[in-house]
């Protein structure tokens, strides 16, 4: 039964033989109540948007780049062991290693030439040492000192470079 319709109200009034009941809500009041309900519904929807949906919050820094590398079985085992000993995952181990790593650039052609000269000087020093054992130390002493001075200068030039010298 719906009490909004006049037929229903008249039918009930006729049965009870009483006077008609007053309308429950005035005509303008229904429209106001409807507008308030719509506004309240919109307010609830905006609050739901503002409110957290629950669950894990979004990360501020997202990792979206992927690098795939190829490893041998030995390399993979070594990395997995180091990550396990460090108590981190393999991905975290790679990230931390990449941040702390020192990269050394390759030798330039000039530096490669210096290394060949150094190898030649080392060969000469070995030959002079051999002669010193055969002929006596005093006869070769002067040549050894000159060669050692040249080697020291070349080493200072190579080591005095701005690159890290840990890997050489």
C-alpha atoms as a PDB file:
ATOM      1  CA  UNK A   1       0.000   0.000   0.000  1.00  0.00           C
ATOM      2  CA  UNK A   2       1.179   3.472  -0.776  1.00  0.00           C
ATOM      3  CA  UNK A   3      -0.018   6.392   1.316  1.00  0.00           C
ATOM      4  CA  UNK A   4       1.132   8.975  -1.200  1.00  0.00           C
ATOM      5  CA  UNK A   5      -1.816   8.478  -3.508  1.00  0.00           C
ATOM      6  CA  UNK A   6      -5.109  10.142  -2.684  1.00  0.00           C
ATOM      7  CA  UNK A   7      -7.114   7.051  -3.657  1.00  0.00           C
ATOM      8  CA  UNK A   8      -5.434   5.032  -0.946  1.00  0.00           C
ATOM      9  CA  UNK A   9      -6.036   7.716   1.647  1.00  0.00           C
ATOM     10  CA  UNK A  10      -9.684   8.026   0.655  1.00  0.00           C
ATOM     11  CA  UNK A  11     -10.155   4.279   0.757  1.00  0.00           C
ATOM     12  CA  UNK A  12      -8.685   4.044   4.232  1.00  0.00           C
ATOM     13  CA  UNK A  13     -10.737   6.981   5.431  1.00  0.00           C
ATOM     14  CA  UNK A  14     -13.912   5.433   4.093  1.00  0.00           C
ATOM     15  CA  UNK A  15     -13.236   2.179   5.902  1.00  0.00           C
ATOM     16  CA  UNK A  16     -12.542   3.842   9.217  1.00  0.00           C
ATOM     17  CA  UNK A  17     -15.274   6.361   8.674  1.00  0.00           C
ATOM     18  CA  UNK A  18     -13.126   9.091   9.973  1.00  0.00           C
ATOM     19  CA  UNK A  19     -11.992  12.296   8.455  1.00  0.00           C
ATOM     20  CA  UNK A  20      -9.152  12.300   5.967  1.00  0.00           C
ATOM     21  CA  UNK A  21      -5.663  12.387   7.464  1.00  0.00           C
ATOM     22  CA  UNK A  22      -3.529  15.377   6.752  1.00  0.00           C
ATOM     23  CA  UNK A  23      -0.866  14.988   4.147  1.00  0.00           C
ATOM     24  CA  UNK A  24       2.372  13.834   5.788  1.00  0.00           C
ATOM     25  CA  UNK A  25       4.654  16.184   3.866  1.00  0.00           C
ATOM     26  CA  UNK A  26       3.903  19.458   2.150  1.00  0.00           C
ATOM     27  CA  UNK A  27       4.427  19.702  -1.606  1.00  0.00           C
ATOM     28  CA  UNK A  28       7.486  21.990  -1.474  1.00  0.00           C
ATOM     29  CA  UNK A  29       8.943  20.037   1.394  1.00  0.00           C
ATOM     30  CA  UNK A  30       9.236  16.880  -0.740  1.00  0.00           C
ATOM     31  CA  UNK A  31      11.385  18.716  -3.281  1.00  0.00           C
ATOM     32  CA  UNK A  32      13.592  20.148  -0.523  1.00  0.00           C
ATOM     33  CA  UNK A  33      14.036  16.737   1.062  1.00  0.00           C
ATOM     34  CA  UNK A  34      14.908  15.264  -2.312  1.00  0.00           C
ATOM     35  CA  UNK A  35      17.524  17.969  -2.975  1.00  0.00           C
ATOM     36  CA  UNK A  36      19.022  17.451   0.494  1.00  0.00           C
ATOM     37  CA  UNK A  37      19.185  13.693  -0.103  1.00  0.00           C
ATOM     38  CA  UNK A  38      20.977  14.195  -3.429  1.00  0.00           C
ATOM     39  CA  UNK A  39      23.450  16.644  -1.863  1.00  0.00           C
ATOM     40  CA  UNK A  40      24.091  14.266   1.015  1.00  0.00           C
ATOM     41  CA  UNK A  41      24.636  11.419  -1.439  1.00  0.00           C
ATOM     42  CA  UNK A  42      27.175  13.536  -3.369  1.00  0.00           C
ATOM     43  CA  UNK A  43      28.915  14.458  -0.123  1.00  0.00           C
ATOM     44  CA  UNK A  44      29.225  10.786   0.813  1.00  0.00           C
ATOM     45  CA  UNK A  45      30.647   9.968  -2.620  1.00  0.00           C
ATOM     46  CA  UNK A  46      33.303  12.706  -2.343  1.00  0.00           C
ATOM     47  CA  UNK A  47      34.206  11.518   1.151  1.00  0.00           C
ATOM     48  CA  UNK A  48      34.646   8.014  -0.202  1.00  0.00           C
ATOM     49  CA  UNK A  49      37.014   9.345  -2.857  1.00  0.00           C
ATOM     50  CA  UNK A  50      39.025  11.237  -0.259  1.00  0.00           C
ATOM     51  CA  UNK A  51      39.015   8.390   2.227  1.00  0.00           C
ATOM     52  CA  UNK A  52      41.486   5.555   1.821  1.00  0.00           C
ATOM     53  CA  UNK A  53      40.112   2.464   0.171  1.00  0.00           C
ATOM     54  CA  UNK A  54      42.120   0.317   2.554  1.00  0.00           C
ATOM     55  CA  UNK A  55      44.926  -2.033   1.736  1.00  0.00           C
ATOM     56  CA  UNK A  56      48.555  -1.199   1.160  1.00  0.00           C
ATOM     57  CA  UNK A  57      49.283   2.484   0.450  1.00  0.00           C
ATOM     58  CA  UNK A  58      50.779   3.376  -2.904  1.00  0.00           C
ATOM     59  CA  UNK A  59      54.555   3.656  -3.105  1.00  0.00           C
ATOM     60  CA  UNK A  60      55.957   7.154  -3.570  1.00  0.00           C
ATOM     61  CA  UNK A  61      58.842   5.906  -5.693  1.00  0.00           C
ATOM     62  CA  UNK A  62      57.875   3.192  -8.149  1.00  0.00           C
ATOM     63  CA  UNK A  63      60.421   0.903  -9.734  1.00  0.00           C
ATOM     64  CA  UNK A  64      59.296   0.630 -13.332  1.00  0.00           C
ATOM     65  CA  UNK A  65      62.532  -0.093 -15.234  1.00  0.00           C
ATOM     66  CA  UNK A  66      63.671  -3.666 -15.744  1.00  0.00           C
ATOM     67  CA  UNK A  67      67.171  -4.787 -16.736  1.00  0.00           C
ATOM     68  CA  UNK A  68      67.674  -8.361 -17.746  1.00  0.00           C
ATOM     69  CA  UNK A  69      71.168  -9.854 -17.602  1.00  0.00           C
ATOM     70  CA  UNK A  70      72.615 -13.209 -18.495  1.00  0.00           C
ATOM     71  CA  UNK A  71      74.686 -15.080 -15.939  1.00  0.00           C
ATOM     72  CA  UNK A  72      76.594 -18.330 -15.890  1.00  0.00           C
ATOM     73  CA  UNK A  73      75.673 -20.928 -13.289  1.00  0.00           C
ATOM     74  CA  UNK A  74      78.719 -19.997 -11.212  1.00  0.00           C
ATOM     75  CA  UNK A  75      77.929 -16.263 -11.345  1.00  0.00           C
ATOM     76  CA  UNK A  76      74.306 -16.890 -10.372  1.00  0.00           C
ATOM     77  CA  UNK A  77      75.341 -19.132  -7.475  1.00  0.00           C
ATOM     78  CA  UNK A  78      77.888 -16.581  -6.248  1.00  0.00           C
ATOM     79  CA  UNK A  79      75.372 -13.717  -6.354  1.00  0.00           C
ATOM     80  CA  UNK A  80      72.634 -15.774  -4.688  1.00  0.00           C
ATOM     81  CA  UNK A  81      75.056 -16.805  -1.916  1.00  0.00           C
ATOM     82  CA  UNK A  82      76.207 -13.232  -1.315  1.00  0.00           C
ATOM     83  CA  UNK A  83      72.597 -11.986  -1.219  1.00  0.00           C
ATOM     84  CA  UNK A  84      71.636 -14.740   1.233  1.00  0.00           C
ATOM     85  CA  UNK A  85      74.619 -13.921   3.478  1.00  0.00           C
ATOM     86  CA  UNK A  86      73.648 -10.257   3.378  1.00  0.00           C
ATOM     87  CA  UNK A  87      70.076 -11.162   4.321  1.00  0.00           C
ATOM     88  CA  UNK A  88      68.525  -9.469   1.292  1.00  0.00           C
ATOM     89  CA  UNK A  89      66.855 -10.528  -1.916  1.00  0.00           C
ATOM     90  CA  UNK A  90      68.870 -10.795  -5.096  1.00  0.00           C
ATOM     91  CA  UNK A  91      67.195  -7.662  -6.503  1.00  0.00           C
ATOM     92  CA  UNK A  92      68.087  -5.603  -3.412  1.00  0.00           C
ATOM     93  CA  UNK A  93      71.618  -6.990  -3.544  1.00  0.00           C
ATOM     94  CA  UNK A  94      71.985  -5.833  -7.157  1.00  0.00           C
ATOM     95  CA  UNK A  95      70.580  -2.380  -6.360  1.00  0.00           C
ATOM     96  CA  UNK A  96      72.912  -1.844  -3.401  1.00  0.00           C
ATOM     97  CA  UNK A  97      75.891  -3.204  -5.332  1.00  0.00           C
ATOM     98  CA  UNK A  98      75.175  -0.884  -8.258  1.00  0.00           C
ATOM     99  CA  UNK A  99      74.990   2.134  -5.952  1.00  0.00           C
ATOM    100  CA  UNK A 100      78.288   1.351  -4.203  1.00  0.00           C
ATOM    101  CA  UNK A 101      80.243   0.085  -7.225  1.00  0.00           C
ATOM    102  CA  UNK A 102      83.164   2.014  -8.665  1.00  0.00           C
ATOM    103  CA  UNK A 103      83.372   1.796 -12.424  1.00  0.00           C
ATOM    104  CA  UNK A 104      86.808   2.009 -14.013  1.00  0.00           C
ATOM    105  CA  UNK A 105      87.000   3.134 -17.609  1.00  0.00           C
ATOM    106  CA  UNK A 106      89.024   1.188 -20.131  1.00  0.00           C
ATOM    107  CA  UNK A 107      92.600   2.068 -20.952  1.00  0.00           C
ATOM    108  CA  UNK A 108      93.079   4.692 -23.604  1.00  0.00           C
ATOM    109  CA  UNK A 109      95.523   4.040 -26.442  1.00  0.00           C
ATOM    110  CA  UNK A 110      98.119   6.193 -24.671  1.00  0.00           C
ATOM    111  CA  UNK A 111      97.736   4.260 -21.419  1.00  0.00           C
ATOM    112  CA  UNK A 112      97.918   0.941 -23.258  1.00  0.00           C
ATOM    113  CA  UNK A 113     101.196   2.127 -24.843  1.00  0.00           C
ATOM    114  CA  UNK A 114     102.526   3.058 -21.398  1.00  0.00           C
ATOM    115  CA  UNK A 115     101.675  -0.424 -20.136  1.00  0.00           C
ATOM    116  CA  UNK A 116     103.588  -2.007 -23.055  1.00  0.00           C
ATOM    117  CA  UNK A 117     106.594   0.210 -22.319  1.00  0.00           C
ATOM    118  CA  UNK A 118     106.387  -0.811 -18.647  1.00  0.00           C
ATOM    119  CA  UNK A 119     106.331  -4.493 -19.627  1.00  0.00           C
ATOM    120  CA  UNK A 120     109.413  -3.938 -21.809  1.00  0.00           C
ATOM    121  CA  UNK A 121     111.205  -2.194 -18.936  1.00  0.00           C
ATOM    122  CA  UNK A 122     110.375  -5.070 -16.620  1.00  0.00           C
ATOM    123  CA  UNK A 123     111.877  -7.432 -19.191  1.00  0.00           C
ATOM    124  CA  UNK A 124     115.047  -5.293 -19.334  1.00  0.00           C
ATOM    125  CA  UNK A 125     115.256  -5.287 -15.534  1.00  0.00           C
ATOM    126  CA  UNK A 126     115.069  -9.073 -15.498  1.00  0.00           C
ATOM    127  CA  UNK A 127     117.892  -9.277 -18.053  1.00  0.00           C
ATOM    128  CA  UNK A 128     120.046  -6.874 -15.999  1.00  0.00           C
ATOM    129  CA  UNK A 129     119.402  -8.939 -12.873  1.00  0.00           C
ATOM    130  CA  UNK A 130     120.528 -12.032 -14.737  1.00  0.00           C
ATOM    131  CA  UNK A 131     123.749 -10.232 -15.847  1.00  0.00           C
ATOM    132  CA  UNK A 132     124.336  -9.046 -12.269  1.00  0.00           C
ATOM    133  CA  UNK A 133     124.259 -12.640 -11.079  1.00  0.00           C
ATOM    134  CA  UNK A 134     126.754 -13.680 -13.776  1.00  0.00           C
ATOM    135  CA  UNK A 135     129.206 -10.728 -13.757  1.00  0.00           C
ATOM    136  CA  UNK A 136     128.726  -9.259 -10.298  1.00  0.00           C
ATOM    137  CA  UNK A 137     126.440  -6.555  -8.974  1.00  0.00           C
ATOM    138  CA  UNK A 138     128.758  -3.543  -9.300  1.00  0.00           C
ATOM    139  CA  UNK A 139     129.116  -3.805 -13.067  1.00  0.00           C
ATOM    140  CA  UNK A 140     125.348  -3.538 -13.682  1.00  0.00           C
ATOM    141  CA  UNK A 141     124.426  -1.241 -10.770  1.00  0.00           C
ATOM    142  CA  UNK A 142     124.335   1.975 -12.784  1.00  0.00           C
ATOM    143  CA  UNK A 143     122.081   0.514 -15.533  1.00  0.00           C
ATOM    144  CA  UNK A 144     119.702  -0.913 -12.895  1.00  0.00           C
ATOM    145  CA  UNK A 145     119.359   2.453 -11.147  1.00  0.00           C
ATOM    146  CA  UNK A 146     118.563   4.264 -14.403  1.00  0.00           C
ATOM    147  CA  UNK A 147     116.007   1.656 -15.394  1.00  0.00           C
ATOM    148  CA  UNK A 148     114.377   1.713 -11.939  1.00  0.00           C
ATOM    149  CA  UNK A 149     114.091   5.517 -12.102  1.00  0.00           C
ATOM    150  CA  UNK A 150     112.352   5.261 -15.508  1.00  0.00           C
ATOM    151  CA  UNK A 151     109.988   2.597 -14.150  1.00  0.00           C
ATOM    152  CA  UNK A 152     109.125   4.773 -11.134  1.00  0.00           C
ATOM    153  CA  UNK A 153     108.322   7.751 -13.373  1.00  0.00           C
ATOM    154  CA  UNK A 154     106.109   5.631 -15.597  1.00  0.00           C
ATOM    155  CA  UNK A 155     104.297   4.122 -12.587  1.00  0.00           C
ATOM    156  CA  UNK A 156     103.687   7.589 -11.124  1.00  0.00           C
ATOM    157  CA  UNK A 157     102.214   8.646 -14.456  1.00  0.00           C
ATOM    158  CA  UNK A 158      99.914   5.633 -14.583  1.00  0.00           C
ATOM    159  CA  UNK A 159      98.900   5.668 -10.905  1.00  0.00           C
ATOM    160  CA  UNK A 160      98.576   9.463 -10.807  1.00  0.00           C
ATOM    161  CA  UNK A 161      95.606   9.161 -13.140  1.00  0.00           C
ATOM    162  CA  UNK A 162      92.224  10.402 -11.871  1.00  0.00           C
ATOM    163  CA  UNK A 163      90.729   6.925 -12.136  1.00  0.00           C
ATOM    164  CA  UNK A 164      90.531   4.387  -9.358  1.00  0.00           C
ATOM    165  CA  UNK A 165      93.662   2.263  -9.285  1.00  0.00           C
ATOM    166  CA  UNK A 166      92.194  -0.641  -7.286  1.00  0.00           C
ATOM    167  CA  UNK A 167      91.566  -2.747 -10.364  1.00  0.00           C
ATOM    168  CA  UNK A 168      94.962  -2.361 -12.008  1.00  0.00           C
END
